[in-house]
Amino acid sequence: MVDGDEGRGRTDRPRRADARRNQKALLDAAAAVFVRSGVEAPVRDIAAEAGVGTATIYRHFPTRADLIVGVYRHQVEACAEAGPELLASCPTPYAALARWIDLFVDFLVTKHGLAGVLQSDSAGFETLHAYFLDRLVPVCGDLLDAATAAGEIRADLSPYELMRATGNLCIGAEHDPRYDARRLVSILVSGLRRPA
């Protein structure tokens, strides 16, 4: 996704900090609206949530598909960046892993809402899915490795398996108020603890 000025031949210069902040606010707003109202929500609702005009959204994301892909990539990056930050700030590696899995669940709730739209373009979906795996599996692996090295968790689960299990527990949760995926994911993560 490119800023409007970058599309006019100035791609070698990084975007200004305020332009990055504005785009982040717009993507956060779009994600929130998508969770509440679905990906077909009116652009004016997203603009109102972000505190911008609809023209600003169209300048950054000319089509709805561009906006959906932008939200997806933005959330993947936020989840990826959170891993090292949590390792540095949480009291234990296990606490960092548990908190990261909570963030991953938040991402999955939005991702499931986007999945149907993204899968309509199978080549584009495969590219995004590969991007998702390339960015998040190593982060999850670093968290698992740190918790294993600290002796907090068992060492027999791969990052892909943990992410896949978490994703499977989240499927359909948004359509059934009796089902609490977050509670079940918490039980899964608790099960990683080494027996005393």
N, C-alpha and C. Protein backbone atom coordinates (compact mmCIF):
# COMPACT_ATOMS: atom_id res chain seq x y z
N MET A 1 0.85 -1.16 0.00
CA MET A 1 0.00 0.00 0.00
C MET A 1 0.89 1.23 0.00
N VAL A 2 0.58 2.15 -0.83
CA VAL A 2 1.43 3.34 -0.94
C VAL A 2 0.64 4.57 -0.59
N ASP A 3 1.32 5.53 -0.05
CA ASP A 3 0.74 6.83 0.21
C ASP A 3 0.52 7.51 -1.13
N GLY A 4 -0.44 8.41 -1.21
CA GLY A 4 -0.77 9.06 -2.47
C GLY A 4 0.42 9.71 -3.15
N ASP A 5 1.30 10.40 -2.42
CA ASP A 5 2.46 11.05 -3.02
C ASP A 5 3.49 10.04 -3.50
N GLU A 6 3.61 8.91 -2.79
CA GLU A 6 4.61 7.93 -3.19
C GLU A 6 4.28 7.34 -4.55
N GLY A 7 3.00 7.27 -4.88
CA GLY A 7 2.59 6.71 -6.16
C GLY A 7 2.96 7.59 -7.34
N ARG A 8 3.44 8.81 -7.07
CA ARG A 8 3.77 9.74 -8.15
C ARG A 8 5.28 9.86 -8.34
N GLY A 9 6.01 8.79 -8.11
CA GLY A 9 7.43 8.82 -8.45
C GLY A 9 8.38 9.12 -7.32
N ARG A 10 7.89 9.23 -6.07
CA ARG A 10 8.79 9.53 -4.96
C ARG A 10 8.82 8.36 -3.99
N THR A 11 8.97 7.15 -4.51
CA THR A 11 8.93 5.96 -3.67
C THR A 11 10.21 5.73 -2.89
N ASP A 12 11.31 6.42 -3.25
CA ASP A 12 12.56 6.19 -2.56
C ASP A 12 12.64 6.93 -1.22
N ARG A 13 11.74 7.88 -0.98
CA ARG A 13 11.75 8.64 0.25
C ARG A 13 10.76 8.03 1.24
N PRO A 14 11.17 7.84 2.50
CA PRO A 14 10.23 7.28 3.47
C PRO A 14 9.09 8.27 3.74
N ARG A 15 7.95 7.71 4.07
CA ARG A 15 6.81 8.58 4.38
C ARG A 15 7.07 9.34 5.68
N ARG A 16 6.49 10.50 5.77
CA ARG A 16 6.60 11.31 6.98
C ARG A 16 5.98 10.56 8.15
N ALA A 17 6.45 10.87 9.35
CA ALA A 17 5.94 10.21 10.56
C ALA A 17 4.44 10.46 10.72
N ASP A 18 3.98 11.68 10.42
CA ASP A 18 2.54 11.95 10.57
C ASP A 18 1.72 11.18 9.55
N ALA A 19 2.25 10.96 8.35
CA ALA A 19 1.54 10.17 7.34
C ALA A 19 1.44 8.72 7.79
N ARG A 20 2.51 8.20 8.39
CA ARG A 20 2.48 6.82 8.91
C ARG A 20 1.47 6.70 10.06
N ARG A 21 1.46 7.69 10.95
CA ARG A 21 0.50 7.68 12.07
C ARG A 21 -0.93 7.73 11.55
N ASN A 22 -1.16 8.59 10.56
CA ASN A 22 -2.51 8.71 10.00
C ASN A 22 -2.96 7.41 9.35
N GLN A 23 -2.05 6.78 8.61
CA GLN A 23 -2.41 5.52 7.97
C GLN A 23 -2.67 4.43 9.02
N LYS A 24 -1.86 4.41 10.08
CA LYS A 24 -2.07 3.44 11.16
C LYS A 24 -3.44 3.66 11.80
N ALA A 25 -3.80 4.92 12.08
CA ALA A 25 -5.10 5.22 12.68
C ALA A 25 -6.23 4.79 11.75
N LEU A 26 -6.05 5.02 10.46
CA LEU A 26 -7.06 4.61 9.49
C LEU A 26 -7.22 3.09 9.47
N LEU A 27 -6.10 2.36 9.47
CA LEU A 27 -6.16 0.89 9.44
C LEU A 27 -6.74 0.33 10.74
N ASP A 28 -6.39 0.93 11.88
CA ASP A 28 -6.97 0.50 13.15
C ASP A 28 -8.48 0.72 13.15
N ALA A 29 -8.91 1.87 12.63
CA ALA A 29 -10.33 2.17 12.55
C ALA A 29 -11.05 1.18 11.63
N ALA A 30 -10.46 0.91 10.48
CA ALA A 30 -11.07 -0.04 9.54
C ALA A 30 -11.21 -1.42 10.17
N ALA A 31 -10.18 -1.86 10.88
CA ALA A 31 -10.23 -3.17 11.54
C ALA A 31 -11.37 -3.21 12.56
N ALA A 32 -11.50 -2.15 13.35
CA ALA A 32 -12.57 -2.10 14.36
C ALA A 32 -13.95 -2.14 13.71
N VAL A 33 -14.11 -1.39 12.64
CA VAL A 33 -15.40 -1.38 11.94
C VAL A 33 -15.67 -2.73 11.29
N PHE A 34 -14.64 -3.36 10.71
CA PHE A 34 -14.82 -4.67 10.11
C PHE A 34 -15.26 -5.70 11.14
N VAL A 35 -14.70 -5.64 12.35
CA VAL A 35 -15.09 -6.59 13.40
C VAL A 35 -16.55 -6.37 13.78
N ARG A 36 -16.96 -5.12 13.92
CA ARG A 36 -18.33 -4.81 14.33
C ARG A 36 -19.35 -5.06 13.23
N SER A 37 -19.01 -4.63 12.00
CA SER A 37 -20.02 -4.57 10.94
C SER A 37 -19.71 -5.39 9.70
N GLY A 38 -18.58 -6.05 9.66
CA GLY A 38 -18.21 -6.83 8.49
C GLY A 38 -17.45 -5.99 7.48
N VAL A 39 -16.84 -6.69 6.51
CA VAL A 39 -15.98 -6.00 5.55
C VAL A 39 -16.75 -5.18 4.53
N GLU A 40 -18.05 -5.34 4.48
CA GLU A 40 -18.86 -4.55 3.56
C GLU A 40 -19.37 -3.26 4.21
N ALA A 41 -18.89 -2.95 5.40
CA ALA A 41 -19.32 -1.73 6.09
C ALA A 41 -19.05 -0.52 5.21
N PRO A 42 -19.93 0.48 5.27
CA PRO A 42 -19.72 1.68 4.46
C PRO A 42 -18.40 2.38 4.78
N VAL A 43 -17.77 2.90 3.76
CA VAL A 43 -16.51 3.62 3.93
C VAL A 43 -16.71 4.83 4.84
N ARG A 44 -17.88 5.44 4.81
CA ARG A 44 -18.14 6.60 5.68
C ARG A 44 -18.07 6.21 7.16
N ASP A 45 -18.43 4.95 7.50
CA ASP A 45 -18.32 4.49 8.89
C ASP A 45 -16.85 4.39 9.30
N ILE A 46 -16.03 3.90 8.39
CA ILE A 46 -14.59 3.78 8.66
C ILE A 46 -13.99 5.18 8.80
N ALA A 47 -14.38 6.08 7.90
CA ALA A 47 -13.88 7.45 7.96
C ALA A 47 -14.27 8.12 9.28
N ALA A 48 -15.52 7.93 9.71
CA ALA A 48 -15.96 8.52 10.98
C ALA A 48 -15.16 7.95 12.15
N GLU A 49 -14.94 6.64 12.14
CA GLU A 49 -14.16 6.00 13.21
C GLU A 49 -12.73 6.55 13.25
N ALA A 50 -12.16 6.79 12.07
CA ALA A 50 -10.78 7.28 11.98
C ALA A 50 -10.68 8.80 12.15
N GLY A 51 -11.81 9.49 12.06
CA GLY A 51 -11.78 10.95 12.16
C GLY A 51 -11.22 11.63 10.93
N VAL A 52 -11.46 11.01 9.75
CA VAL A 52 -10.99 11.57 8.49
C VAL A 52 -12.15 11.60 7.50
N GLY A 53 -11.92 12.23 6.37
CA GLY A 53 -12.92 12.21 5.31
C GLY A 53 -12.79 10.96 4.46
N THR A 54 -13.84 10.62 3.73
CA THR A 54 -13.78 9.43 2.88
C THR A 54 -12.72 9.57 1.79
N ALA A 55 -12.47 10.79 1.34
CA ALA A 55 -11.45 11.00 0.30
C ALA A 55 -10.07 10.56 0.80
N THR A 56 -9.81 10.74 2.08
CA THR A 56 -8.53 10.30 2.65
C THR A 56 -8.38 8.79 2.53
N ILE A 57 -9.46 8.08 2.82
CA ILE A 57 -9.41 6.62 2.71
C ILE A 57 -9.14 6.22 1.27
N TYR A 58 -9.88 6.81 0.33
CA TYR A 58 -9.70 6.45 -1.08
C TYR A 58 -8.32 6.86 -1.61
N ARG A 59 -7.74 7.90 -1.04
CA ARG A 59 -6.41 8.31 -1.47
C ARG A 59 -5.38 7.23 -1.08
N HIS A 60 -5.54 6.67 0.11
CA HIS A 60 -4.62 5.63 0.57
C HIS A 60 -4.96 4.25 0.01
N PHE A 61 -6.26 3.98 -0.13
CA PHE A 61 -6.74 2.66 -0.55
C PHE A 61 -7.84 2.85 -1.59
N PRO A 62 -7.47 2.87 -2.87
CA PRO A 62 -8.44 3.17 -3.93
C PRO A 62 -9.62 2.19 -4.01
N THR A 63 -9.41 0.94 -3.59
CA THR A 63 -10.50 -0.04 -3.64
C THR A 63 -10.69 -0.67 -2.27
N ARG A 64 -11.86 -1.28 -2.09
CA ARG A 64 -12.13 -1.98 -0.83
C ARG A 64 -11.13 -3.12 -0.64
N ALA A 65 -10.79 -3.82 -1.72
CA ALA A 65 -9.81 -4.91 -1.62
C ALA A 65 -8.47 -4.37 -1.12
N ASP A 66 -8.05 -3.19 -1.60
CA ASP A 66 -6.80 -2.58 -1.12
C ASP A 66 -6.87 -2.32 0.39
N LEU A 67 -8.03 -1.85 0.85
CA LEU A 67 -8.20 -1.56 2.27
C LEU A 67 -8.17 -2.86 3.09
N ILE A 68 -8.82 -3.90 2.61
CA ILE A 68 -8.85 -5.17 3.32
C ILE A 68 -7.44 -5.75 3.42
N VAL A 69 -6.71 -5.73 2.33
CA VAL A 69 -5.33 -6.22 2.34
C VAL A 69 -4.48 -5.35 3.27
N GLY A 70 -4.69 -4.05 3.25
CA GLY A 70 -3.96 -3.14 4.13
C GLY A 70 -4.21 -3.45 5.60
N VAL A 71 -5.47 -3.70 5.95
CA VAL A 71 -5.81 -4.05 7.34
C VAL A 71 -5.13 -5.36 7.73
N TYR A 72 -5.20 -6.34 6.86
CA TYR A 72 -4.60 -7.65 7.13
C TYR A 72 -3.10 -7.51 7.38
N ARG A 73 -2.41 -6.84 6.47
CA ARG A 73 -0.95 -6.67 6.62
C ARG A 73 -0.60 -5.86 7.87
N HIS A 74 -1.37 -4.82 8.14
CA HIS A 74 -1.15 -3.98 9.31
C HIS A 74 -1.27 -4.80 10.59
N GLN A 75 -2.26 -5.66 10.65
CA GLN A 75 -2.45 -6.47 11.85
C GLN A 75 -1.38 -7.54 11.99
N VAL A 76 -0.94 -8.11 10.88
CA VAL A 76 0.16 -9.06 10.93
C VAL A 76 1.40 -8.36 11.49
N GLU A 77 1.70 -7.18 10.99
CA GLU A 77 2.88 -6.44 11.46
C GLU A 77 2.77 -6.09 12.94
N ALA A 78 1.60 -5.66 13.38
CA ALA A 78 1.42 -5.32 14.80
C ALA A 78 1.66 -6.55 15.67
N CYS A 79 1.16 -7.68 15.24
CA CYS A 79 1.34 -8.92 16.00
C CYS A 79 2.81 -9.34 15.99
N ALA A 80 3.47 -9.20 14.86
CA ALA A 80 4.89 -9.56 14.76
C ALA A 80 5.75 -8.65 15.65
N GLU A 81 5.48 -7.36 15.64
CA GLU A 81 6.26 -6.41 16.43
C GLU A 81 6.02 -6.58 17.93
N ALA A 82 4.86 -7.10 18.30
CA ALA A 82 4.53 -7.25 19.72
C ALA A 82 5.38 -8.33 20.39
N GLY A 83 5.80 -9.37 19.66
CA GLY A 83 6.54 -10.46 20.27
C GLY A 83 7.79 -10.01 21.00
N PRO A 84 8.73 -9.35 20.32
CA PRO A 84 9.95 -8.89 21.02
C PRO A 84 9.66 -7.87 22.12
N GLU A 85 8.66 -7.02 21.90
CA GLU A 85 8.30 -6.03 22.92
C GLU A 85 7.80 -6.72 24.19
N LEU A 86 6.99 -7.77 24.02
CA LEU A 86 6.48 -8.49 25.18
C LEU A 86 7.58 -9.25 25.90
N LEU A 87 8.49 -9.85 25.14
CA LEU A 87 9.62 -10.54 25.78
C LEU A 87 10.43 -9.58 26.64
N ALA A 88 10.56 -8.34 26.18
CA ALA A 88 11.35 -7.34 26.91
C ALA A 88 10.59 -6.78 28.13
N SER A 89 9.26 -6.76 28.06
CA SER A 89 8.51 -6.07 29.11
C SER A 89 7.77 -6.97 30.09
N CYS A 90 7.50 -8.21 29.74
CA CYS A 90 6.77 -9.10 30.64
C CYS A 90 7.70 -9.71 31.68
N PRO A 91 7.16 -10.09 32.85
CA PRO A 91 8.01 -10.61 33.91
C PRO A 91 8.67 -11.95 33.59
N THR A 92 8.03 -12.75 32.73
CA THR A 92 8.60 -14.05 32.35
C THR A 92 8.35 -14.30 30.87
N PRO A 93 9.14 -15.16 30.24
CA PRO A 93 8.86 -15.52 28.85
C PRO A 93 7.49 -16.17 28.68
N TYR A 94 7.07 -16.98 29.66
CA TYR A 94 5.74 -17.59 29.56
C TYR A 94 4.65 -16.52 29.57
N ALA A 95 4.79 -15.52 30.42
CA ALA A 95 3.83 -14.42 30.46
C ALA A 95 3.79 -13.70 29.11
N ALA A 96 4.97 -13.51 28.51
CA ALA A 96 5.04 -12.87 27.18
C ALA A 96 4.33 -13.73 26.14
N LEU A 97 4.56 -15.04 26.18
CA LEU A 97 3.91 -15.95 25.24
C LEU A 97 2.39 -15.91 25.41
N ALA A 98 1.93 -15.98 26.65
CA ALA A 98 0.48 -15.96 26.90
C ALA A 98 -0.15 -14.66 26.41
N ARG A 99 0.52 -13.54 26.66
CA ARG A 99 0.00 -12.24 26.21
C ARG A 99 0.00 -12.16 24.69
N TRP A 100 1.06 -12.69 24.04
CA TRP A 100 1.13 -12.67 22.58
C TRP A 100 0.02 -13.52 21.98
N ILE A 101 -0.25 -14.66 22.58
CA ILE A 101 -1.34 -15.51 22.08
C ILE A 101 -2.67 -14.77 22.20
N ASP A 102 -2.88 -13.98 23.26
CA ASP A 102 -4.09 -13.15 23.36
C ASP A 102 -4.18 -12.18 22.18
N LEU A 103 -3.06 -11.53 21.85
CA LEU A 103 -3.05 -10.62 20.70
C LEU A 103 -3.31 -11.37 19.40
N PHE A 104 -2.75 -12.56 19.30
CA PHE A 104 -2.96 -13.39 18.11
C PHE A 104 -4.44 -13.76 17.97
N VAL A 105 -5.10 -14.05 19.08
CA VAL A 105 -6.54 -14.34 19.04
C VAL A 105 -7.30 -13.11 18.54
N ASP A 106 -6.94 -11.92 19.04
CA ASP A 106 -7.58 -10.69 18.55
C ASP A 106 -7.42 -10.56 17.04
N PHE A 107 -6.22 -10.83 16.56
CA PHE A 107 -5.96 -10.79 15.12
C PHE A 107 -6.82 -11.80 14.39
N LEU A 108 -6.91 -13.02 14.92
CA LEU A 108 -7.67 -14.07 14.24
C LEU A 108 -9.15 -13.73 14.12
N VAL A 109 -9.70 -13.06 15.13
CA VAL A 109 -11.11 -12.67 15.06
C VAL A 109 -11.34 -11.78 13.85
N THR A 110 -10.46 -10.82 13.64
CA THR A 110 -10.57 -9.95 12.47
C THR A 110 -10.26 -10.73 11.20
N LYS A 111 -9.24 -11.56 11.23
CA LYS A 111 -8.82 -12.32 10.05
C LYS A 111 -9.96 -13.20 9.55
N HIS A 112 -10.68 -13.85 10.46
CA HIS A 112 -11.77 -14.71 10.00
C HIS A 112 -12.83 -13.90 9.28
N GLY A 113 -13.05 -12.67 9.71
CA GLY A 113 -14.00 -11.82 9.01
C GLY A 113 -13.52 -11.43 7.63
N LEU A 114 -12.21 -11.35 7.44
CA LEU A 114 -11.66 -10.97 6.15
C LEU A 114 -11.46 -12.16 5.22
N ALA A 115 -11.39 -13.36 5.79
CA ALA A 115 -10.99 -14.55 5.03
C ALA A 115 -11.86 -14.79 3.81
N GLY A 116 -13.16 -14.68 3.96
CA GLY A 116 -14.05 -14.95 2.83
C GLY A 116 -13.78 -14.03 1.66
N VAL A 117 -13.58 -12.76 1.95
CA VAL A 117 -13.31 -11.80 0.89
C VAL A 117 -11.94 -12.07 0.27
N LEU A 118 -10.95 -12.33 1.11
CA LEU A 118 -9.60 -12.56 0.60
C LEU A 118 -9.52 -13.83 -0.24
N GLN A 119 -10.29 -14.86 0.10
CA GLN A 119 -10.21 -16.11 -0.62
C GLN A 119 -10.83 -16.04 -2.01
N SER A 120 -11.57 -14.99 -2.29
CA SER A 120 -12.15 -14.86 -3.63
C SER A 120 -11.06 -14.68 -4.69
N ASP A 121 -9.89 -14.21 -4.28
CA ASP A 121 -8.73 -14.11 -5.16
C ASP A 121 -7.70 -15.10 -4.62
N SER A 122 -7.74 -16.34 -5.13
CA SER A 122 -6.94 -17.41 -4.51
C SER A 122 -5.45 -17.12 -4.56
N ALA A 123 -4.95 -16.54 -5.64
CA ALA A 123 -3.51 -16.24 -5.73
C ALA A 123 -3.14 -15.17 -4.70
N GLY A 124 -3.95 -14.14 -4.59
CA GLY A 124 -3.70 -13.09 -3.61
C GLY A 124 -3.80 -13.61 -2.19
N PHE A 125 -4.77 -14.49 -1.95
CA PHE A 125 -4.94 -15.07 -0.62
C PHE A 125 -3.73 -15.92 -0.25
N GLU A 126 -3.25 -16.72 -1.19
CA GLU A 126 -2.08 -17.56 -0.92
C GLU A 126 -0.85 -16.70 -0.60
N THR A 127 -0.70 -15.59 -1.31
CA THR A 127 0.41 -14.68 -1.04
C THR A 127 0.30 -14.10 0.36
N LEU A 128 -0.90 -13.68 0.75
CA LEU A 128 -1.10 -13.12 2.08
C LEU A 128 -0.91 -14.17 3.17
N HIS A 129 -1.37 -15.39 2.90
CA HIS A 129 -1.20 -16.45 3.88
C HIS A 129 0.28 -16.78 4.08
N ALA A 130 1.03 -16.80 2.99
CA ALA A 130 2.48 -17.04 3.09
C ALA A 130 3.14 -15.91 3.88
N TYR A 131 2.72 -14.67 3.64
CA TYR A 131 3.24 -13.51 4.37
C TYR A 131 2.94 -13.66 5.87
N PHE A 132 1.72 -14.05 6.19
CA PHE A 132 1.28 -14.29 7.56
C PHE A 132 2.20 -15.32 8.24
N LEU A 133 2.42 -16.45 7.59
CA LEU A 133 3.28 -17.48 8.16
C LEU A 133 4.73 -17.01 8.28
N ASP A 134 5.24 -16.37 7.23
CA ASP A 134 6.64 -15.90 7.24
C ASP A 134 6.90 -14.91 8.37
N ARG A 135 5.92 -14.07 8.68
CA ARG A 135 6.11 -13.05 9.71
C ARG A 135 5.84 -13.56 11.12
N LEU A 136 4.81 -14.42 11.29
CA LEU A 136 4.38 -14.75 12.64
C LEU A 136 4.94 -16.05 13.20
N VAL A 137 5.21 -17.04 12.37
CA VAL A 137 5.76 -18.30 12.89
C VAL A 137 7.11 -18.05 13.59
N PRO A 138 8.03 -17.27 13.02
CA PRO A 138 9.29 -17.02 13.73
C PRO A 138 9.10 -16.28 15.07
N VAL A 139 8.14 -15.37 15.12
CA VAL A 139 7.89 -14.63 16.37
C VAL A 139 7.37 -15.60 17.44
N CYS A 140 6.41 -16.42 17.06
CA CYS A 140 5.90 -17.42 17.99
C CYS A 140 7.03 -18.37 18.41
N GLY A 141 7.88 -18.75 17.46
CA GLY A 141 9.02 -19.61 17.77
C GLY A 141 9.96 -19.00 18.78
N ASP A 142 10.25 -17.70 18.64
CA ASP A 142 11.13 -17.01 19.59
C ASP A 142 10.52 -17.02 21.00
N LEU A 143 9.21 -16.80 21.07
CA LEU A 143 8.53 -16.81 22.37
C LEU A 143 8.55 -18.21 22.99
N LEU A 144 8.27 -19.22 22.18
CA LEU A 144 8.32 -20.60 22.68
C LEU A 144 9.74 -20.96 23.12
N ASP A 145 10.74 -20.60 22.32
CA ASP A 145 12.14 -20.89 22.67
C ASP A 145 12.53 -20.24 24.00
N ALA A 146 12.12 -19.00 24.19
CA ALA A 146 12.47 -18.29 25.43
C ALA A 146 11.80 -18.95 26.63
N ALA A 147 10.54 -19.31 26.50
CA ALA A 147 9.84 -19.96 27.61
C ALA A 147 10.39 -21.35 27.88
N THR A 148 10.79 -22.06 26.83
CA THR A 148 11.41 -23.38 27.00
C THR A 148 12.76 -23.25 27.69
N ALA A 149 13.57 -22.30 27.24
CA ALA A 149 14.90 -22.09 27.84
C ALA A 149 14.79 -21.70 29.31
N ALA A 150 13.73 -21.02 29.68
CA ALA A 150 13.51 -20.62 31.07
C ALA A 150 12.94 -21.78 31.90
N GLY A 151 12.67 -22.90 31.24
CA GLY A 151 12.13 -24.06 31.95
C GLY A 151 10.66 -23.93 32.31
N GLU A 152 9.96 -23.00 31.66
CA GLU A 152 8.56 -22.75 32.01
C GLU A 152 7.57 -23.64 31.27
N ILE A 153 7.93 -24.07 30.06
CA ILE A 153 6.99 -24.86 29.26
C ILE A 153 7.67 -26.11 28.71
N ARG A 154 6.86 -27.04 28.29
CA ARG A 154 7.36 -28.24 27.63
C ARG A 154 7.95 -27.86 26.28
N ALA A 155 8.81 -28.69 25.75
CA ALA A 155 9.56 -28.35 24.55
C ALA A 155 9.09 -29.10 23.31
N ASP A 156 7.91 -29.72 23.36
CA ASP A 156 7.52 -30.61 22.27
C ASP A 156 6.42 -30.05 21.37
N LEU A 157 6.31 -28.74 21.27
CA LEU A 157 5.29 -28.13 20.41
C LEU A 157 5.97 -27.11 19.50
N SER A 158 5.68 -27.21 18.22
CA SER A 158 6.26 -26.26 17.27
C SER A 158 5.41 -24.99 17.23
N PRO A 159 6.00 -23.88 16.80
CA PRO A 159 5.21 -22.64 16.70
C PRO A 159 4.04 -22.79 15.74
N TYR A 160 4.26 -23.49 14.63
CA TYR A 160 3.17 -23.67 13.68
C TYR A 160 2.01 -24.44 14.32
N GLU A 161 2.35 -25.49 15.08
CA GLU A 161 1.29 -26.27 15.74
C GLU A 161 0.50 -25.42 16.73
N LEU A 162 1.19 -24.60 17.51
CA LEU A 162 0.51 -23.74 18.48
C LEU A 162 -0.39 -22.73 17.79
N MET A 163 0.12 -22.12 16.72
CA MET A 163 -0.68 -21.14 16.00
C MET A 163 -1.87 -21.81 15.32
N ARG A 164 -1.66 -22.97 14.75
CA ARG A 164 -2.75 -23.70 14.09
C ARG A 164 -3.82 -24.11 15.09
N ALA A 165 -3.39 -24.64 16.26
CA ALA A 165 -4.35 -25.04 17.30
C ALA A 165 -5.14 -23.83 17.78
N THR A 166 -4.46 -22.71 17.98
CA THR A 166 -5.14 -21.48 18.41
C THR A 166 -6.15 -21.05 17.36
N GLY A 167 -5.74 -21.06 16.10
CA GLY A 167 -6.64 -20.69 15.01
C GLY A 167 -7.86 -21.59 14.94
N ASN A 168 -7.64 -22.89 15.11
CA ASN A 168 -8.76 -23.83 15.04
C ASN A 168 -9.75 -23.59 16.18
N LEU A 169 -9.26 -23.23 17.35
CA LEU A 169 -10.15 -22.95 18.47
C LEU A 169 -10.97 -21.68 18.24
N CYS A 170 -10.48 -20.79 17.39
CA CYS A 170 -11.17 -19.52 17.14
C CYS A 170 -12.21 -19.60 16.01
N ILE A 171 -12.15 -20.64 15.20
CA ILE A 171 -13.07 -20.74 14.05
C ILE A 171 -14.51 -20.76 14.52
N GLY A 172 -15.31 -19.86 13.96
CA GLY A 172 -16.74 -19.81 14.23
C GLY A 172 -17.13 -19.18 15.55
N ALA A 173 -16.16 -18.77 16.35
CA ALA A 173 -16.47 -18.21 17.66
C ALA A 173 -17.33 -16.95 17.57
N GLU A 174 -17.14 -16.19 16.51
CA GLU A 174 -17.90 -14.93 16.38
C GLU A 174 -19.38 -15.15 16.12
N HIS A 175 -19.77 -16.38 15.74
CA HIS A 175 -21.17 -16.66 15.41
C HIS A 175 -21.91 -17.40 16.52
N ASP A 176 -21.23 -17.75 17.61
CA ASP A 176 -21.87 -18.53 18.67
C ASP A 176 -21.57 -17.90 20.03
N PRO A 177 -22.54 -17.17 20.60
CA PRO A 177 -22.29 -16.49 21.87
C PRO A 177 -22.05 -17.46 23.03
N ARG A 178 -22.38 -18.74 22.87
CA ARG A 178 -22.16 -19.73 23.93
C ARG A 178 -20.73 -20.25 23.93
N TYR A 179 -19.97 -19.92 22.89
CA TYR A 179 -18.62 -20.46 22.74
C TYR A 179 -17.59 -19.38 23.04
N ASP A 180 -16.73 -19.62 24.00
CA ASP A 180 -15.71 -18.64 24.40
C ASP A 180 -14.33 -19.15 23.95
N ALA A 181 -13.95 -18.79 22.75
CA ALA A 181 -12.68 -19.26 22.19
C ALA A 181 -11.50 -18.80 23.04
N ARG A 182 -11.56 -17.60 23.57
CA ARG A 182 -10.45 -17.08 24.36
C ARG A 182 -10.21 -17.95 25.60
N ARG A 183 -11.28 -18.43 26.23
CA ARG A 183 -11.13 -19.29 27.40
C ARG A 183 -10.47 -20.61 27.01
N LEU A 184 -10.88 -21.18 25.88
CA LEU A 184 -10.29 -22.44 25.45
C LEU A 184 -8.83 -22.27 25.03
N VAL A 185 -8.52 -21.14 24.40
CA VAL A 185 -7.12 -20.88 24.05
C VAL A 185 -6.29 -20.72 25.32
N SER A 186 -6.85 -20.10 26.34
CA SER A 186 -6.16 -19.96 27.62
C SER A 186 -5.86 -21.33 28.23
N ILE A 187 -6.81 -22.26 28.12
CA ILE A 187 -6.59 -23.63 28.61
C ILE A 187 -5.47 -24.29 27.81
N LEU A 188 -5.47 -24.08 26.49
CA LEU A 188 -4.40 -24.63 25.64
C LEU A 188 -3.04 -24.10 26.09
N VAL A 189 -2.93 -22.80 26.28
CA VAL A 189 -1.66 -22.19 26.66
C VAL A 189 -1.25 -22.66 28.08
N SER A 190 -2.22 -22.81 28.98
CA SER A 190 -1.91 -23.33 30.31
C SER A 190 -1.36 -24.75 30.22
N GLY A 191 -1.83 -25.50 29.26
CA GLY A 191 -1.36 -26.87 29.08
C GLY A 191 0.08 -26.98 28.61
N LEU A 192 0.66 -25.87 28.19
CA LEU A 192 2.07 -25.87 27.79
C LEU A 192 3.02 -25.90 29.00
N ARG A 193 2.50 -25.52 30.16
CA ARG A 193 3.34 -25.46 31.36
C ARG A 193 3.95 -26.81 31.68
N ARG A 194 5.19 -26.79 32.10
CA ARG A 194 5.86 -28.02 32.53
C ARG A 194 5.26 -28.47 33.85
N PRO A 195 5.04 -29.76 34.00
CA PRO A 195 4.53 -30.25 35.29
C PRO A 195 5.53 -29.93 36.40
N ALA A 196 5.02 -29.57 37.54
CA ALA A 196 5.91 -29.21 38.67
C ALA A 196 6.62 -30.45 39.19
